[in-house]
Amino acid sequence: MIHEIALFQLPLISSHRPYDSRRFEYLYTCAQATKSGLDNFLSLSPSDWIGLNFAVMLQFSHGIQVMHRLSCLQNPGWDRAFIRSTIDVLEYLEQVAVKMEQAYENWKVGSVEDGTSVFCKGAQIMRSAIPIWAASLEKADKGDERQGSENTESGMDEMLMEFSDETWFTDFFGSWNV
């Protein structure tokens, strides 16, 4: 995650140096490390999910948000198509929802449960995030069409400014009095 800092750095772009290759190296390394962490998270069996602590869920949340940002990053020379072919954040959200449902099925055996467990709510939240994130991926693609080959002077795309504003995860751990 140390390479994640490249998401927030201004690229060193000038007329003599059109691409900041070191920044791209950091971003690709960040993508590889984050994908590895998410794959490790998804390798847990549904029975292991029953004992997961909050820190593990926070790591997942952070990792999936980083991959989403990398999938939407608009910067000349950044290959979002490659990132999206490496990790499909929407598929990861669906896989987590399935794992949560399986964990719920394992957990409810022998208990009296009414379907309001953290696993049921989590699966619902993950699935409701999919269309929202799909729309943001499409918006990033449309941004490319508008920009064409223009160089982004600031180096910070709008979506990075909202890095911690992911209400789907806040809802998951927030009030259930809906």
C-alpha atoms as a PDB file:
ATOM      1  CA  MET A   1       0.000   0.000   0.000  1.00  0.00           C
ATOM      2  CA  ILE A   2       3.016   2.267   0.210  1.00  0.00           C
ATOM      3  CA  HIS A   3       2.789   2.803  -3.555  1.00  0.00           C
ATOM      4  CA  GLU A   4      -0.729   4.154  -3.151  1.00  0.00           C
ATOM      5  CA  ILE A   5       0.768   7.597  -2.516  1.00  0.00           C
ATOM      6  CA  ALA A   6       1.185   7.883  -6.287  1.00  0.00           C
ATOM      7  CA  LEU A   7      -2.598   8.274  -6.536  1.00  0.00           C
ATOM      8  CA  PHE A   8      -2.320  11.602  -4.755  1.00  0.00           C
ATOM      9  CA  GLN A   9       0.926  12.975  -6.167  1.00  0.00           C
ATOM     10  CA  LEU A  10       0.967  15.491  -8.945  1.00  0.00           C
ATOM     11  CA  PRO A  11       2.675  13.966 -11.973  1.00  0.00           C
ATOM     12  CA  LEU A  12       6.002  15.412 -13.014  1.00  0.00           C
ATOM     13  CA  ILE A  13       4.913  16.412 -16.509  1.00  0.00           C
ATOM     14  CA  SER A  14       6.626  19.029 -18.628  1.00  0.00           C
ATOM     15  CA  SER A  15       7.075  19.661 -22.312  1.00  0.00           C
ATOM     16  CA  HIS A  16      10.370  17.745 -22.138  1.00  0.00           C
ATOM     17  CA  ARG A  17       8.949  14.868 -20.105  1.00  0.00           C
ATOM     18  CA  PRO A  18       5.365  14.066 -21.177  1.00  0.00           C
ATOM     19  CA  TYR A  19       4.948  11.052 -18.871  1.00  0.00           C
ATOM     20  CA  ASP A  20       6.024  10.452 -15.302  1.00  0.00           C
ATOM     21  CA  SER A  21       7.181   6.856 -15.687  1.00  0.00           C
ATOM     22  CA  ARG A  22       8.107   6.465 -12.006  1.00  0.00           C
ATOM     23  CA  ARG A  23       4.579   7.435 -10.968  1.00  0.00           C
ATOM     24  CA  PHE A  24       3.127   4.882 -13.380  1.00  0.00           C
ATOM     25  CA  GLU A  25       5.481   2.259 -11.996  1.00  0.00           C
ATOM     26  CA  TYR A  26       4.200   3.034  -8.490  1.00  0.00           C
ATOM     27  CA  LEU A  27       0.593   2.938  -9.641  1.00  0.00           C
ATOM     28  CA  TYR A  28       1.027  -0.439 -11.359  1.00  0.00           C
ATOM     29  CA  THR A  29       2.822  -1.794  -8.296  1.00  0.00           C
ATOM     30  CA  CYS A  30      -0.030  -0.486  -6.151  1.00  0.00           C
ATOM     31  CA  ALA A  31      -2.525  -2.260  -8.424  1.00  0.00           C
ATOM     32  CA  GLN A  32      -0.617  -5.556  -8.203  1.00  0.00           C
ATOM     33  CA  ALA A  33      -0.309  -5.393  -4.409  1.00  0.00           C
ATOM     34  CA  THR A  34      -3.942  -4.430  -3.957  1.00  0.00           C
ATOM     35  CA  LYS A  35      -5.127  -7.192  -6.289  1.00  0.00           C
ATOM     36  CA  SER A  36      -3.051  -9.681  -4.327  1.00  0.00           C
ATOM     37  CA  GLY A  37      -4.658  -8.513  -1.073  1.00  0.00           C
ATOM     38  CA  LEU A  38      -8.167  -8.735  -2.520  1.00  0.00           C
ATOM     39  CA  ASP A  39      -7.478 -12.203  -3.932  1.00  0.00           C
ATOM     40  CA  ASN A  40      -6.211 -13.294  -0.529  1.00  0.00           C
ATOM     41  CA  PHE A  41      -9.368 -11.904   1.096  1.00  0.00           C
ATOM     42  CA  LEU A  42     -11.578 -13.799  -1.354  1.00  0.00           C
ATOM     43  CA  SER A  43      -9.641 -17.027  -0.819  1.00  0.00           C
ATOM     44  CA  LEU A  44     -11.110 -17.312   2.684  1.00  0.00           C
ATOM     45  CA  SER A  45     -13.746 -19.986   3.020  1.00  0.00           C
ATOM     46  CA  PRO A  46     -17.272 -18.928   4.015  1.00  0.00           C
ATOM     47  CA  SER A  47     -16.764 -20.514   7.429  1.00  0.00           C
ATOM     48  CA  ASP A  48     -13.694 -18.289   7.951  1.00  0.00           C
ATOM     49  CA  TRP A  49     -15.825 -15.210   7.338  1.00  0.00           C
ATOM     50  CA  ILE A  50     -17.810 -15.848  10.510  1.00  0.00           C
ATOM     51  CA  GLY A  51     -14.818 -14.886  12.634  1.00  0.00           C
ATOM     52  CA  LEU A  52     -13.519 -11.987  10.536  1.00  0.00           C
ATOM     53  CA  ASN A  53     -12.738  -8.894  12.534  1.00  0.00           C
ATOM     54  CA  PHE A  54     -13.475  -5.314  11.614  1.00  0.00           C
ATOM     55  CA  ALA A  55      -9.887  -4.576  10.575  1.00  0.00           C
ATOM     56  CA  VAL A  56     -10.018  -7.225   7.844  1.00  0.00           C
ATOM     57  CA  MET A  57     -13.235  -5.741   6.465  1.00  0.00           C
ATOM     58  CA  LEU A  58     -11.653  -2.285   6.506  1.00  0.00           C
ATOM     59  CA  GLN A  59      -8.691  -3.628   4.542  1.00  0.00           C
ATOM     60  CA  PHE A  60     -11.065  -5.062   1.966  1.00  0.00           C
ATOM     61  CA  SER A  61     -12.947  -1.763   1.766  1.00  0.00           C
ATOM     62  CA  HIS A  62      -9.779   0.208   1.298  1.00  0.00           C
ATOM     63  CA  GLY A  63      -8.397  -2.219  -1.285  1.00  0.00           C
ATOM     64  CA  ILE A  64     -11.539  -2.272  -3.404  1.00  0.00           C
ATOM     65  CA  GLN A  65     -11.706   1.539  -3.299  1.00  0.00           C
ATOM     66  CA  VAL A  66      -8.076   1.795  -4.426  1.00  0.00           C
ATOM     67  CA  MET A  67      -8.751  -0.559  -7.343  1.00  0.00           C
ATOM     68  CA  HIS A  68     -11.848   1.423  -8.253  1.00  0.00           C
ATOM     69  CA  ARG A  69      -9.828   4.642  -8.273  1.00  0.00           C
ATOM     70  CA  LEU A  70      -7.133   3.049 -10.391  1.00  0.00           C
ATOM     71  CA  SER A  71      -9.840   1.834 -12.781  1.00  0.00           C
ATOM     72  CA  CYS A  72     -11.142   5.399 -13.138  1.00  0.00           C
ATOM     73  CA  LEU A  73      -7.869   7.341 -13.020  1.00  0.00           C
ATOM     74  CA  GLN A  74      -7.685   9.799 -15.890  1.00  0.00           C
ATOM     75  CA  ASN A  75      -4.129  10.650 -16.737  1.00  0.00           C
ATOM     76  CA  PRO A  76      -2.292  10.635 -20.056  1.00  0.00           C
ATOM     77  CA  GLY A  77      -0.450   7.356 -20.418  1.00  0.00           C
ATOM     78  CA  TRP A  78      -2.441   5.523 -17.743  1.00  0.00           C
ATOM     79  CA  ASP A  79      -3.951   2.348 -19.150  1.00  0.00           C
ATOM     80  CA  ARG A  80      -7.285   1.892 -17.390  1.00  0.00           C
ATOM     81  CA  ALA A  81      -8.224  -0.871 -19.820  1.00  0.00           C
ATOM     82  CA  PHE A  82      -5.240  -2.893 -18.615  1.00  0.00           C
ATOM     83  CA  ILE A  83      -6.194  -2.329 -14.967  1.00  0.00           C
ATOM     84  CA  ARG A  84      -9.788  -3.306 -15.671  1.00  0.00           C
ATOM     85  CA  SER A  85      -8.657  -6.453 -17.477  1.00  0.00           C
ATOM     86  CA  THR A  86      -6.481  -7.301 -14.484  1.00  0.00           C
ATOM     87  CA  ILE A  87      -9.182  -6.780 -11.876  1.00  0.00           C
ATOM     88  CA  ASP A  88     -12.859  -6.188 -12.419  1.00  0.00           C
ATOM     89  CA  VAL A  89     -13.978  -4.288  -9.310  1.00  0.00           C
ATOM     90  CA  LEU A  90     -17.625  -5.000 -10.085  1.00  0.00           C
ATOM     91  CA  GLU A  91     -16.949  -8.739 -10.195  1.00  0.00           C
ATOM     92  CA  TYR A  92     -15.068  -8.502  -6.897  1.00  0.00           C
ATOM     93  CA  LEU A  93     -18.065  -6.795  -5.276  1.00  0.00           C
ATOM     94  CA  GLU A  94     -20.309  -9.602  -6.542  1.00  0.00           C
ATOM     95  CA  GLN A  95     -17.886 -12.269  -5.300  1.00  0.00           C
ATOM     96  CA  VAL A  96     -17.861 -10.677  -1.848  1.00  0.00           C
ATOM     97  CA  ALA A  97     -21.667 -10.585  -1.821  1.00  0.00           C
ATOM     98  CA  VAL A  98     -21.761 -14.308  -2.672  1.00  0.00           C
ATOM     99  CA  LYS A  99     -19.214 -15.077   0.071  1.00  0.00           C
ATOM    100  CA  MET A 100     -21.298 -13.102   2.568  1.00  0.00           C
ATOM    101  CA  GLU A 101     -24.408 -15.065   1.638  1.00  0.00           C
ATOM    102  CA  GLN A 102     -22.505 -18.317   2.020  1.00  0.00           C
ATOM    103  CA  ALA A 103     -21.149 -17.198   5.391  1.00  0.00           C
ATOM    104  CA  TYR A 104     -24.689 -16.355   6.482  1.00  0.00           C
ATOM    105  CA  GLU A 105     -25.882 -19.817   5.451  1.00  0.00           C
ATOM    106  CA  ASN A 106     -23.072 -21.412   7.486  1.00  0.00           C
ATOM    107  CA  TRP A 107     -23.716 -19.148  10.456  1.00  0.00           C
ATOM    108  CA  LYS A 108     -27.486 -19.535  10.656  1.00  0.00           C
ATOM    109  CA  VAL A 109     -27.289 -23.332  10.971  1.00  0.00           C
ATOM    110  CA  GLY A 110     -28.434 -24.021  14.512  1.00  0.00           C
ATOM    111  CA  SER A 111     -29.429 -20.437  15.271  1.00  0.00           C
ATOM    112  CA  VAL A 112     -32.677 -18.541  15.202  1.00  0.00           C
ATOM    113  CA  GLU A 113     -32.018 -15.761  12.716  1.00  0.00           C
ATOM    114  CA  ASP A 114     -34.359 -13.359  10.992  1.00  0.00           C
ATOM    115  CA  GLY A 115     -32.121 -12.329   8.070  1.00  0.00           C
ATOM    116  CA  THR A 116     -30.707  -9.147   9.602  1.00  0.00           C
ATOM    117  CA  SER A 117     -27.154 -10.357  10.107  1.00  0.00           C
ATOM    118  CA  VAL A 118     -24.101  -8.389   9.022  1.00  0.00           C
ATOM    119  CA  PHE A 119     -23.679 -10.921   6.213  1.00  0.00           C
ATOM    120  CA  CYS A 120     -27.150 -10.340   4.753  1.00  0.00           C
ATOM    121  CA  LYS A 121     -26.811  -6.590   5.025  1.00  0.00           C
ATOM    122  CA  GLY A 122     -23.283  -6.737   3.584  1.00  0.00           C
ATOM    123  CA  ALA A 123     -24.362  -8.747   0.541  1.00  0.00           C
ATOM    124  CA  GLN A 124     -27.187  -6.290  -0.080  1.00  0.00           C
ATOM    125  CA  ILE A 125     -24.862  -3.287   0.201  1.00  0.00           C
ATOM    126  CA  MET A 126     -22.243  -4.848  -2.106  1.00  0.00           C
ATOM    127  CA  ARG A 127     -24.849  -5.524  -4.773  1.00  0.00           C
ATOM    128  CA  SER A 128     -26.333  -2.043  -4.473  1.00  0.00           C
ATOM    129  CA  ALA A 129     -22.837  -0.578  -4.978  1.00  0.00           C
ATOM    130  CA  ILE A 130     -22.339  -2.376  -8.303  1.00  0.00           C
ATOM    131  CA  PRO A 131     -24.553  -0.110 -10.460  1.00  0.00           C
ATOM    132  CA  ILE A 132     -23.152   3.007  -8.776  1.00  0.00           C
ATOM    133  CA  TRP A 133     -19.577   1.947  -9.443  1.00  0.00           C
ATOM    134  CA  ALA A 134     -20.458   0.822 -12.975  1.00  0.00           C
ATOM    135  CA  ALA A 135     -21.792   4.327 -13.642  1.00  0.00           C
ATOM    136  CA  SER A 136     -18.572   5.896 -12.362  1.00  0.00           C
ATOM    137  CA  LEU A 137     -16.512   3.618 -14.617  1.00  0.00           C
ATOM    138  CA  GLU A 138     -18.640   4.708 -17.576  1.00  0.00           C
ATOM    139  CA  LYS A 139     -18.256   8.338 -16.528  1.00  0.00           C
ATOM    140  CA  ALA A 140     -14.472   7.920 -16.516  1.00  0.00           C
ATOM    141  CA  ASP A 141     -14.642   6.503 -20.048  1.00  0.00           C
ATOM    142  CA  LYS A 142     -16.802   9.396 -21.221  1.00  0.00           C
ATOM    143  CA  GLY A 143     -14.300  11.778 -19.661  1.00  0.00           C
ATOM    144  CA  ASP A 144     -11.699  10.325 -22.022  1.00  0.00           C
ATOM    145  CA  GLU A 145     -13.925  11.014 -25.005  1.00  0.00           C
ATOM    146  CA  ARG A 146     -14.364  14.646 -23.948  1.00  0.00           C
ATOM    147  CA  GLN A 147     -10.704  15.197 -23.151  1.00  0.00           C
ATOM    148  CA  GLY A 148      -9.386  13.518 -26.241  1.00  0.00           C
ATOM    149  CA  SER A 149      -5.637  13.891 -26.107  1.00  0.00           C
ATOM    150  CA  GLU A 150      -5.595  16.931 -23.815  1.00  0.00           C
ATOM    151  CA  ASN A 151      -3.089  16.840 -21.004  1.00  0.00           C
ATOM    152  CA  THR A 152      -4.496  17.185 -17.495  1.00  0.00           C
ATOM    153  CA  GLU A 153      -2.473  19.944 -15.894  1.00  0.00           C
ATOM    154  CA  SER A 154      -3.462  19.282 -12.310  1.00  0.00           C
ATOM    155  CA  GLY A 155      -2.690  15.569 -12.374  1.00  0.00           C
ATOM    156  CA  MET A 156      -5.417  14.951  -9.828  1.00  0.00           C
ATOM    157  CA  ASP A 157      -8.660  13.714 -11.212  1.00  0.00           C
ATOM    158  CA  GLU A 158     -11.917  14.766  -9.566  1.00  0.00           C
ATOM    159  CA  MET A 159     -12.724  11.329  -8.252  1.00  0.00           C
ATOM    160  CA  LEU A 160      -9.582  11.173  -6.145  1.00  0.00           C
ATOM    161  CA  MET A 161     -10.718  14.190  -4.194  1.00  0.00           C
ATOM    162  CA  GLU A 162     -13.636  12.061  -2.916  1.00  0.00           C
ATOM    163  CA  PHE A 163     -11.466   9.119  -1.887  1.00  0.00           C
ATOM    164  CA  SER A 164     -13.009   8.642   1.539  1.00  0.00           C
ATOM    165  CA  ASP A 165     -16.575   9.474   0.528  1.00  0.00           C
ATOM    166  CA  GLU A 166     -17.867   5.973  -0.101  1.00  0.00           C
ATOM    167  CA  THR A 167     -21.330   5.876   1.438  1.00  0.00           C
ATOM    168  CA  TRP A 168     -21.950   2.217   0.571  1.00  0.00           C
ATOM    169  CA  PHE A 169     -19.345   1.144   3.123  1.00  0.00           C
ATOM    170  CA  THR A 170     -20.501   3.682   5.692  1.00  0.00           C
ATOM    171  CA  ASP A 171     -24.045   2.377   5.269  1.00  0.00           C
ATOM    172  CA  PHE A 172     -22.839  -1.157   5.867  1.00  0.00           C
ATOM    173  CA  PHE A 173     -21.463  -0.304   9.297  1.00  0.00           C
ATOM    174  CA  GLY A 174     -23.896   2.522  10.038  1.00  0.00           C
ATOM    175  CA  SER A 175     -27.405   2.434  11.409  1.00  0.00           C
ATOM    176  CA  TRP A 176     -29.623  -0.445  10.353  1.00  0.00           C
ATOM    177  CA  ASN A 177     -32.782   1.412  11.303  1.00  0.00           C
ATOM    178  CA  VAL A 178     -33.939   1.713   7.709  1.00  0.00           C
END
